[in-house]
Amino acid sequence: MKVNLLAFALCCILSHVQADDTRYERFYLRERALPQGGNGGSSGICVAGSLSEECGAKKNESCGLCSAYSLECGVNSECVEASTCTNSICGGDIANTREPLHCTPSGLSLSILKNFEYADVGVTDSLVKLLGPSDPTMAAALVIAVPHGGSLRPDYINDRKTNDPTYCPSGGCRVSADSYTKQIAEQIASKFIQNYCKVPYLIINELHRSKMDANREIGEAAFGNAIAESAWTKFHEYINEAQTHIQTEFDTVYNEASIEGVRGLVFDVHGYAGTDWHNEGSDFIQWGYRLGKDSLDQNAVNNCPIDITSSSTRGSFTHARQMPDESLECLVRGPKSLGQRFNEQLPLSLASSETCGRGLPSLDYQDPKAVASDPTYCADNDGVCSYYSGGYDVKVHERMDWDNDPTFSGIHMNTVQAELPRCIRFATDEVHEEVGDKLSIALCSFMTDLFGSDIC
């Protein structure tokens, strides 16, 4: 929904605008137990419609930080749906679902288009692959990148260290792989072909993260090793090559700010341990648009909506946010957001879990900062858990001239990062297949609403 965002923000700040009559039922919140000391003790439940005698006086204690779940105190001290900025702006948005076509993808498959190898006496290793359609006219306008899913640990590349003073930032270097992200990405691509008879592009870094981190600047990524540097370069060149194929096949479109963008999407697949969260790791899919927790904080008055607090070149949807009838607020956490689309498509294998696979942010969980500060979910000693807002890949590949466009003045392509939780990644092959299927539908539906049905 496109609105006069400045006028809305002033109205929201000065008049406390109430939400539309539209209400969204959050069925999976009904069984969320409160922290010890909440309303009704440890067995209390904070849901729309449940009574809470102390709600008006002690909302945080009695409702378990209701504001994190778009709940507030009603006139009779009950928890009701809150009047959030997102609900008010995006409540009328309709998320269309691009249903599977039940086509027959005969002869369609992922083909190896490029394969960067290391070869020596008795050794031939594939380090980076670009896969996609053998016939470009059968492409989907989707690039899937997997920077941390590789398992190859060759001796001819030195190990990256977590605390190397030359290459690591003050917080140290990450060297752990994002287990099973390669397999899930392959399932997404396979299901895309089965559902829509279109073949996405898939770029895989086969090297273990202890050898090369494709989601960092080249120094931290490769530690000066020439082979790792070459693999890093190929990974990013292959993403850009896939983007260029999509630009050729699907063209570009100008948004209302006269920014030219490719009709397509880059989807960067990651995994996170989330050990600072309860339940041996957070269950949420953390969707990253290069907007941090503070930018998405709904308790900050000047963040209503995020369109007016985030500059036109901030975030990874510089192009999409100003397409006709779109806004950054709604694309990130409204009914049409990727997080909410997957919530609505949630695989049956995950339905019994309270939060596994739910999007953060999404319409159901709009505020990552509030959720990450809720002791119901966050077990960190300082009371604030990690939220991954998007890294190097989604930053640089939002520009088609990825290594030479510091001013964001060239052609754009929308990008998004998904951090998959352990409850998905370490599940069965059947769960991986079902998640791949539902993510393919969510991705195609999102792109179709933005750019039209020829996209996938």
Protein backbone atom coordinates (compact mmCIF):
# COMPACT_ATOMS: atom_id res chain seq x y z
CA MET A 1 0.00 0.00 0.00
CA LYS A 2 1.43 3.40 -1.01
CA VAL A 3 0.65 6.26 1.35
CA ASN A 4 1.96 9.72 2.09
CA LEU A 5 4.56 8.35 4.48
CA LEU A 6 5.58 11.67 6.04
CA ALA A 7 1.98 12.63 6.73
CA PHE A 8 1.32 9.20 8.17
CA ALA A 9 4.35 9.40 10.42
CA LEU A 10 3.30 12.77 11.85
CA CYS A 11 -0.19 11.46 12.40
CA CYS A 12 1.17 8.34 14.04
CA ILE A 13 3.43 10.37 16.35
CA LEU A 14 0.94 13.08 17.32
CA SER A 15 -2.38 11.30 17.29
CA HIS A 16 -1.57 7.64 18.01
CA VAL A 17 -3.46 6.45 14.96
CA GLN A 18 -5.50 3.32 15.55
CA ALA A 19 -5.15 0.33 13.23
CA ASP A 20 -7.73 -0.71 10.70
CA ASP A 21 -10.46 -3.09 11.75
CA THR A 22 -8.50 -5.82 10.02
CA ARG A 23 -7.15 -8.38 12.49
CA TYR A 24 -4.65 -11.12 11.91
CA GLU A 25 -5.00 -14.21 14.06
CA ARG A 26 -1.72 -15.56 15.38
CA PHE A 27 -2.74 -19.10 16.12
CA TYR A 28 0.73 -20.25 17.10
CA LEU A 29 1.01 -17.65 19.88
CA ARG A 30 -1.74 -19.36 21.84
CA GLU A 31 0.56 -21.87 23.42
CA ARG A 32 3.47 -19.55 24.24
CA ALA A 33 4.15 -19.81 27.98
CA LEU A 34 5.24 -16.64 29.75
CA PRO A 35 8.48 -16.23 31.68
CA GLN A 36 8.40 -16.97 35.41
CA GLY A 37 6.59 -14.18 37.22
CA GLY A 38 4.31 -13.28 34.34
CA ASN A 39 0.54 -13.18 34.53
CA GLY A 40 -0.63 -16.43 36.03
CA GLY A 41 2.92 -17.50 36.90
CA SER A 42 5.01 -19.69 34.63
CA SER A 43 1.92 -21.25 33.08
CA GLY A 44 0.37 -17.95 31.97
CA ILE A 45 -0.48 -17.34 28.35
CA CYS A 46 -0.29 -14.01 26.54
CA VAL A 47 -2.68 -14.03 23.60
CA ALA A 48 -5.32 -11.81 22.10
CA GLY A 49 -8.44 -12.15 24.21
CA SER A 50 -6.88 -13.61 27.39
CA LEU A 51 -7.60 -11.72 30.62
CA SER A 52 -4.76 -10.05 32.49
CA GLU A 53 -5.65 -8.07 35.64
CA GLU A 54 -2.28 -6.33 35.72
CA CYS A 55 -2.05 -5.70 31.99
CA GLY A 56 -2.68 -1.97 32.20
CA ALA A 57 -0.18 -1.39 35.00
CA LYS A 58 2.55 -3.87 34.12
CA LYS A 59 2.22 -4.83 30.49
CA ASN A 60 5.76 -6.11 30.18
CA GLU A 61 5.54 -8.37 33.21
CA SER A 62 1.96 -9.53 32.74
CA CYS A 63 1.98 -10.05 29.00
CA GLY A 64 5.53 -11.16 28.38
CA LEU A 65 6.43 -8.12 26.29
CA CYS A 66 3.19 -8.18 24.34
CA SER A 67 4.46 -5.37 22.13
CA ALA A 68 6.83 -7.80 20.47
CA TYR A 69 3.86 -9.73 19.14
CA SER A 70 1.61 -6.79 18.18
CA LEU A 71 -0.48 -7.16 21.35
CA GLU A 72 -1.48 -4.43 23.78
CA CYS A 73 -3.83 -3.87 26.72
CA GLY A 74 -7.54 -3.49 25.99
CA VAL A 75 -10.14 -1.46 27.85
CA ASN A 76 -10.89 -4.38 30.15
CA SER A 77 -7.20 -5.11 30.82
CA GLU A 78 -7.20 -7.93 28.29
CA CYS A 79 -4.52 -8.45 25.66
CA VAL A 80 -5.72 -7.34 22.24
CA GLU A 81 -4.04 -6.74 18.91
CA ALA A 82 -1.95 -3.61 18.98
CA SER A 83 -2.28 -0.63 16.68
CA THR A 84 1.13 -0.90 15.01
CA CYS A 85 2.50 1.23 12.25
CA THR A 86 2.82 -1.85 10.05
CA ASN A 87 -0.80 -2.90 10.53
CA SER A 88 -2.03 0.63 9.78
CA ILE A 89 0.01 1.07 6.61
CA CYS A 90 -0.05 -2.47 5.25
CA GLY A 91 -3.32 -3.85 6.57
CA GLY A 92 -5.02 -3.54 3.20
CA ASP A 93 -2.25 -5.25 1.25
CA ILE A 94 -3.13 -8.51 -0.45
CA ALA A 95 -0.41 -11.10 -0.90
CA ASN A 96 -1.20 -13.07 -4.02
CA THR A 97 0.06 -16.63 -4.13
CA ARG A 98 1.58 -17.93 -7.32
CA GLU A 99 0.24 -21.45 -7.09
CA PRO A 100 2.31 -24.28 -8.59
CA LEU A 101 1.44 -24.73 -12.25
CA HIS A 102 1.48 -28.53 -12.17
CA CYS A 103 3.48 -28.37 -15.36
CA THR A 104 5.67 -31.14 -16.74
CA PRO A 105 9.31 -30.03 -16.48
CA SER A 106 10.55 -32.63 -18.94
CA GLY A 107 14.17 -31.97 -19.90
CA LEU A 108 14.49 -29.12 -17.39
CA SER A 109 17.18 -29.37 -14.76
CA LEU A 110 20.05 -27.50 -13.20
CA SER A 111 23.02 -27.66 -15.55
CA ILE A 112 26.58 -26.81 -14.58
CA LEU A 113 27.28 -23.62 -16.53
CA LYS A 114 30.64 -22.76 -14.96
CA ASN A 115 32.91 -24.76 -12.66
CA PHE A 116 36.00 -23.22 -11.08
CA GLU A 117 38.44 -26.02 -10.27
CA TYR A 118 41.80 -26.54 -8.66
CA ALA A 119 43.88 -29.12 -10.53
CA ASP A 120 47.24 -30.57 -9.64
CA VAL A 121 48.94 -33.95 -9.92
CA GLY A 122 46.37 -36.48 -8.72
CA VAL A 123 43.95 -33.77 -7.51
CA THR A 124 40.99 -32.09 -9.19
CA ASP A 125 38.65 -30.19 -6.87
CA SER A 126 35.56 -28.18 -7.74
CA LEU A 127 35.73 -25.00 -5.68
CA VAL A 128 32.85 -22.87 -6.99
CA LYS A 129 29.94 -23.76 -9.26
CA LEU A 130 27.42 -21.78 -11.30
CA LEU A 131 24.34 -23.84 -12.14
CA GLY A 132 21.30 -22.82 -14.12
CA PRO A 133 19.26 -23.47 -17.28
CA SER A 134 21.03 -24.80 -20.34
CA ASP A 135 18.55 -22.70 -22.33
CA PRO A 136 18.43 -19.10 -20.97
CA THR A 137 14.85 -18.69 -22.20
CA MET A 138 13.78 -21.25 -19.57
CA ALA A 139 15.29 -19.27 -16.69
CA ALA A 140 13.47 -18.01 -13.64
CA ALA A 141 14.41 -14.51 -12.51
CA LEU A 142 15.98 -15.85 -9.32
CA VAL A 143 19.60 -16.13 -8.21
CA ILE A 144 20.23 -18.40 -5.21
CA ALA A 145 23.64 -18.02 -3.55
CA VAL A 146 25.17 -20.36 -0.96
CA PRO A 147 28.36 -18.85 0.48
CA HIS A 148 28.82 -21.04 3.58
CA GLY A 149 27.46 -24.47 2.63
CA GLY A 150 30.66 -26.07 1.36
CA SER A 151 32.55 -28.90 3.06
CA LEU A 152 35.82 -29.05 1.09
CA ARG A 153 38.94 -28.56 3.28
CA PRO A 154 41.98 -28.92 0.99
CA ASP A 155 45.49 -28.80 2.35
CA TYR A 156 46.60 -26.40 -0.38
CA ILE A 157 44.56 -23.58 1.29
CA ASN A 158 45.62 -22.59 4.80
CA ASP A 159 42.99 -22.53 7.53
CA ARG A 160 41.42 -19.20 8.45
CA LYS A 161 41.79 -18.41 12.16
CA THR A 162 39.15 -16.89 14.39
CA ASN A 163 41.45 -14.23 15.86
CA ASP A 164 44.04 -13.44 13.21
CA PRO A 165 45.21 -9.86 13.92
CA THR A 166 45.92 -9.12 10.26
CA TYR A 167 42.60 -10.11 8.71
CA CYS A 168 39.96 -10.42 11.45
CA PRO A 169 37.82 -7.53 12.72
CA SER A 170 37.65 -6.78 16.43
CA GLY A 171 34.87 -9.32 16.92
CA GLY A 172 36.91 -12.09 15.31
CA CYS A 173 36.42 -14.19 12.18
CA ARG A 174 33.76 -16.84 11.65
CA VAL A 175 35.01 -20.23 10.48
CA SER A 176 32.04 -22.56 11.04
CA ALA A 177 30.04 -23.81 8.07
CA ASP A 178 26.30 -23.21 7.66
CA SER A 179 25.49 -26.90 7.63
CA TYR A 180 22.88 -28.20 5.16
CA THR A 181 22.31 -24.82 3.49
CA LYS A 182 23.66 -26.26 0.23
CA GLN A 183 21.18 -29.16 0.37
CA ILE A 184 18.25 -26.87 1.17
CA ALA A 185 19.21 -24.44 -1.60
CA GLU A 186 19.31 -27.35 -4.04
CA GLN A 187 15.81 -28.34 -2.88
CA ILE A 188 14.55 -24.78 -3.46
CA ALA A 189 15.92 -24.84 -7.00
CA SER A 190 14.54 -28.33 -7.68
CA LYS A 191 11.08 -27.43 -6.39
CA PHE A 192 11.13 -24.21 -8.39
CA ILE A 193 11.59 -26.28 -11.53
CA GLN A 194 8.86 -28.74 -10.55
CA ASN A 195 6.39 -26.04 -9.55
CA TYR A 196 6.89 -23.49 -12.32
CA CYS A 197 8.89 -25.16 -15.13
CA LYS A 198 11.49 -22.42 -14.83
CA VAL A 199 15.12 -22.93 -13.77
CA PRO A 200 16.73 -20.55 -11.26
CA TYR A 201 20.45 -19.86 -11.07
CA LEU A 202 22.38 -21.41 -8.19
CA ILE A 203 25.90 -20.42 -7.08
CA ILE A 204 27.64 -22.70 -4.58
CA ASN A 205 30.90 -22.17 -2.73
CA GLU A 206 32.15 -25.74 -2.21
CA LEU A 207 34.96 -24.65 0.14
CA HIS A 208 34.43 -24.95 3.87
CA ARG A 209 34.23 -21.61 5.62
CA SER A 210 37.48 -22.38 7.46
CA LYS A 211 39.17 -22.09 4.03
CA MET A 212 37.22 -19.22 2.42
CA ASP A 213 34.30 -17.05 3.54
CA ALA A 214 32.46 -15.81 0.46
CA ASN A 215 30.30 -13.40 2.48
CA ARG A 216 33.16 -11.12 3.55
CA GLU A 217 35.56 -8.64 1.99
CA ILE A 218 38.36 -10.46 0.20
CA GLY A 219 40.97 -9.92 2.93
CA GLU A 220 38.93 -11.46 5.73
CA ALA A 221 37.52 -14.00 3.25
CA ALA A 222 40.78 -15.49 2.01
CA PHE A 223 43.56 -14.47 4.42
CA GLY A 224 45.83 -13.62 1.51
CA ASN A 225 45.81 -17.13 0.01
CA ALA A 226 45.91 -16.81 -3.78
CA ILE A 227 43.74 -19.88 -4.47
CA ALA A 228 41.12 -18.79 -1.93
CA GLU A 229 41.16 -15.28 -3.39
CA SER A 230 40.54 -16.70 -6.88
CA ALA A 231 37.64 -18.82 -5.56
CA TRP A 232 36.17 -15.75 -3.80
CA THR A 233 36.40 -13.73 -6.99
CA LYS A 234 34.74 -16.49 -9.03
CA PHE A 235 31.89 -16.81 -6.53
CA HIS A 236 30.98 -13.16 -6.90
CA GLU A 237 31.59 -13.10 -10.64
CA TYR A 238 29.23 -16.07 -11.01
CA ILE A 239 26.50 -14.26 -9.05
CA ASN A 240 26.93 -11.25 -11.29
CA GLU A 241 26.94 -13.43 -14.41
CA ALA A 242 23.61 -14.96 -13.33
CA GLN A 243 22.21 -11.49 -12.68
CA THR A 244 23.31 -10.40 -16.15
CA HIS A 245 21.57 -13.41 -17.74
CA ILE A 246 18.38 -12.41 -15.90
CA GLN A 247 18.73 -8.79 -17.00
CA THR A 248 19.06 -9.95 -20.61
CA GLU A 249 16.06 -12.27 -20.38
CA PHE A 250 13.69 -10.22 -18.21
CA ASP A 251 14.89 -6.65 -18.76
CA THR A 252 14.84 -3.80 -16.25
CA VAL A 253 12.16 -1.45 -14.99
CA TYR A 254 12.28 2.05 -13.52
CA ASN A 255 10.63 2.69 -10.17
CA GLU A 256 8.90 5.90 -9.10
CA ALA A 257 12.24 7.40 -8.04
CA SER A 258 13.65 6.76 -11.55
CA ILE A 259 15.95 4.02 -10.24
CA GLU A 260 16.51 1.30 -12.82
CA GLY A 261 16.39 -2.24 -11.52
CA VAL A 262 16.53 -5.78 -12.89
CA ARG A 263 13.23 -7.65 -12.73
CA GLY A 264 14.36 -10.40 -10.37
CA LEU A 265 15.77 -11.28 -6.96
CA VAL A 266 19.02 -12.48 -5.37
CA PHE A 267 18.37 -14.89 -2.48
CA ASP A 268 21.37 -15.44 -0.20
CA VAL A 269 21.01 -18.63 1.89
CA HIS A 270 22.65 -18.86 5.32
CA GLY A 271 22.28 -20.73 8.59
CA TYR A 272 22.82 -19.69 12.18
CA ALA A 273 23.25 -21.50 15.47
CA GLY A 274 21.46 -18.93 17.62
CA THR A 275 22.97 -20.38 20.79
CA ASP A 276 22.16 -17.17 22.67
CA TRP A 277 18.48 -18.00 22.22
CA HIS A 278 16.47 -20.56 24.21
CA ASN A 279 15.65 -24.03 22.88
CA GLU A 280 19.28 -24.76 21.92
CA GLY A 281 19.10 -22.21 19.14
CA SER A 282 16.56 -19.77 17.78
CA ASP A 283 13.78 -21.25 15.64
CA PHE A 284 13.05 -18.15 13.55
CA ILE A 285 14.07 -17.68 9.94
CA GLN A 286 15.83 -14.34 10.19
CA TRP A 287 15.19 -12.34 7.03
CA GLY A 288 17.89 -9.76 6.34
CA TYR A 289 17.41 -6.57 4.34
CA ARG A 290 20.44 -4.69 5.73
CA LEU A 291 18.17 -3.04 8.28
CA GLY A 292 19.39 -3.57 11.84
CA LYS A 293 17.31 -4.11 14.98
CA ASP A 294 17.32 -0.39 15.78
CA SER A 295 16.03 0.48 12.31
CA LEU A 296 13.14 -1.96 12.78
CA ASP A 297 12.40 -0.99 16.40
CA GLN A 298 8.68 -0.20 16.60
CA ASN A 299 9.07 1.38 20.05
CA ALA A 300 11.19 4.15 18.55
CA VAL A 301 8.79 6.94 17.57
CA ASN A 302 10.81 8.05 14.56
CA ASN A 303 10.71 4.54 13.04
CA CYS A 304 7.08 4.85 11.98
CA PRO A 305 7.31 3.82 9.15
CA ILE A 306 10.82 2.72 8.21
CA ASP A 307 10.52 4.34 4.77
CA ILE A 308 11.06 7.83 6.20
CA THR A 309 13.85 6.84 8.60
CA SER A 310 15.84 4.76 6.10
CA SER A 311 17.38 6.65 3.21
CA SER A 312 16.61 5.62 -0.35
CA THR A 313 19.94 3.75 -0.56
CA ARG A 314 19.62 1.98 2.79
CA GLY A 315 18.59 -1.65 2.94
CA SER A 316 18.66 -4.18 0.13
CA PHE A 317 15.36 -3.15 -1.53
CA THR A 318 16.47 0.24 -2.88
CA HIS A 319 14.62 -0.55 -6.10
CA ALA A 320 11.59 -2.51 -4.87
CA ARG A 321 10.67 -0.06 -2.10
CA GLN A 322 9.63 2.58 -4.62
CA MET A 323 7.85 0.42 -7.12
CA PRO A 324 4.21 1.46 -7.68
CA ASP A 325 2.01 0.78 -4.63
CA GLU A 326 4.92 -0.59 -2.58
CA SER A 327 6.71 0.60 0.54
CA LEU A 328 9.74 -0.66 2.46
CA GLU A 329 7.63 -1.11 5.59
CA CYS A 330 5.25 -3.51 3.85
CA LEU A 331 7.87 -5.36 1.80
CA VAL A 332 9.91 -6.12 4.93
CA ARG A 333 7.17 -7.03 7.44
CA GLY A 334 3.74 -6.66 5.89
CA PRO A 335 1.38 -9.30 4.46
CA LYS A 336 3.41 -9.38 1.23
CA SER A 337 6.81 -9.79 2.91
CA LEU A 338 8.82 -12.94 2.35
CA GLY A 339 8.71 -13.71 6.05
CA GLN A 340 4.92 -13.59 6.16
CA ARG A 341 4.51 -15.46 2.88
CA PHE A 342 6.49 -18.39 4.29
CA ASN A 343 4.50 -18.16 7.54
CA GLU A 344 1.34 -18.62 5.50
CA GLN A 345 2.89 -21.48 3.52
CA LEU A 346 4.35 -23.11 6.64
CA PRO A 347 5.11 -26.78 6.00
CA LEU A 348 3.03 -29.27 7.97
CA SER A 349 6.24 -30.79 9.32
CA LEU A 350 6.90 -27.51 11.19
CA ALA A 351 3.33 -26.72 12.24
CA SER A 352 3.58 -28.44 15.63
CA SER A 353 6.47 -26.16 16.63
CA GLU A 354 5.71 -22.81 18.17
CA THR A 355 8.23 -20.79 16.18
CA CYS A 356 10.29 -23.03 13.88
CA GLY A 357 10.41 -21.38 10.46
CA ARG A 358 8.43 -18.29 11.41
CA GLY A 359 9.75 -15.13 9.85
CA LEU A 360 11.59 -12.41 11.76
CA PRO A 361 10.54 -9.86 10.66
CA SER A 362 7.10 -10.67 9.29
CA LEU A 363 3.57 -9.47 9.88
CA ASP A 364 3.32 -11.94 12.75
CA TYR A 365 6.68 -11.01 14.29
CA GLN A 366 7.20 -7.42 13.21
CA ASP A 367 9.91 -6.22 15.59
CA PRO A 368 13.21 -8.18 15.71
CA LYS A 369 14.54 -6.01 18.53
CA ALA A 370 11.55 -6.69 20.77
CA VAL A 371 11.58 -10.44 20.05
CA ALA A 372 15.36 -10.65 20.52
CA SER A 373 14.99 -8.89 23.89
CA ASP A 374 12.16 -11.11 25.15
CA PRO A 375 13.31 -13.53 27.88
CA THR A 376 10.73 -16.00 26.61
CA TYR A 377 13.04 -16.55 23.64
CA CYS A 378 16.37 -14.89 24.44
CA ALA A 379 18.68 -16.65 26.89
CA ASP A 380 21.66 -14.32 26.47
CA ASN A 381 23.19 -12.95 29.67
CA ASP A 382 22.91 -9.35 28.50
CA GLY A 383 19.28 -9.86 27.55
CA VAL A 384 19.64 -9.15 23.83
CA CYS A 385 20.03 -11.95 21.29
CA SER A 386 21.54 -11.78 17.82
CA TYR A 387 19.61 -10.76 14.74
CA TYR A 388 21.40 -11.06 11.37
CA SER A 389 20.33 -8.22 9.12
CA GLY A 390 22.31 -9.06 5.99
CA GLY A 391 25.97 -9.17 5.03
CA TYR A 392 28.43 -8.55 2.23
CA ASP A 393 26.65 -10.53 -0.50
CA VAL A 394 23.31 -8.72 -0.31
CA LYS A 395 25.10 -5.40 0.00
CA VAL A 396 27.35 -5.58 -3.06
CA HIS A 397 25.06 -7.56 -5.35
CA GLU A 398 22.25 -5.08 -5.01
CA ARG A 399 24.26 -3.22 -7.66
CA MET A 400 24.89 -4.83 -11.02
CA ASP A 401 28.32 -3.20 -11.12
CA TRP A 402 29.00 -5.00 -7.87
CA ASP A 403 32.67 -4.12 -7.36
CA ASN A 404 32.65 -0.57 -8.71
CA ASP A 405 29.48 1.31 -7.69
CA PRO A 406 30.01 2.97 -4.28
CA THR A 407 27.39 5.65 -4.96
CA PHE A 408 24.55 3.21 -5.79
CA SER A 409 24.01 5.16 -9.01
CA GLY A 410 23.91 2.21 -11.43
CA ILE A 411 21.39 -0.51 -12.20
CA HIS A 412 20.04 -2.31 -9.13
CA MET A 413 18.73 -5.78 -8.35
CA ASN A 414 16.84 -6.51 -5.15
CA THR A 415 18.57 -8.82 -2.67
CA VAL A 416 17.60 -10.60 0.54
CA GLN A 417 19.38 -12.82 3.05
CA ALA A 418 17.71 -15.73 4.87
CA GLU A 419 19.30 -17.17 8.00
CA LEU A 420 17.86 -20.66 8.45
CA PRO A 421 17.62 -22.06 12.00
CA ARG A 422 18.92 -25.37 13.24
CA CYS A 423 15.40 -26.77 13.63
CA ILE A 424 15.17 -26.70 9.82
CA ARG A 425 18.76 -27.37 8.81
CA PHE A 426 19.31 -30.37 11.09
CA ALA A 427 15.90 -31.89 10.35
CA THR A 428 15.24 -34.80 7.99
CA ASP A 429 15.61 -34.84 4.23
CA GLU A 430 11.81 -34.84 4.04
CA VAL A 431 11.68 -31.57 5.98
CA HIS A 432 14.34 -30.08 3.70
CA GLU A 433 12.26 -31.03 0.68
CA GLU A 434 9.07 -29.56 2.14
CA VAL A 435 10.82 -26.35 3.20
CA GLY A 436 12.36 -26.06 -0.28
CA ASP A 437 8.91 -26.46 -1.81
CA LYS A 438 7.27 -23.77 0.34
CA LEU A 439 10.17 -21.37 -0.03
CA SER A 440 9.98 -21.74 -3.82
CA ILE A 441 6.31 -20.75 -3.67
CA ALA A 442 6.98 -17.81 -1.34
CA LEU A 443 9.82 -16.53 -3.55
CA CYS A 444 7.91 -16.87 -6.80
CA SER A 445 4.82 -15.23 -5.29
CA PHE A 446 6.86 -12.31 -3.98
CA MET A 447 8.54 -11.71 -7.34
CA THR A 448 5.25 -12.09 -9.22
CA ASP A 449 3.55 -9.42 -7.12
CA LEU A 450 6.47 -7.08 -7.78
CA PHE A 451 7.21 -7.72 -11.44
CA GLY A 452 4.51 -9.88 -13.09
CA SER A 453 3.78 -13.52 -13.78
CA ASP A 454 6.44 -13.97 -16.47
CA ILE A 455 9.12 -13.83 -13.76
CA CYS A 456 8.56 -17.45 -12.74
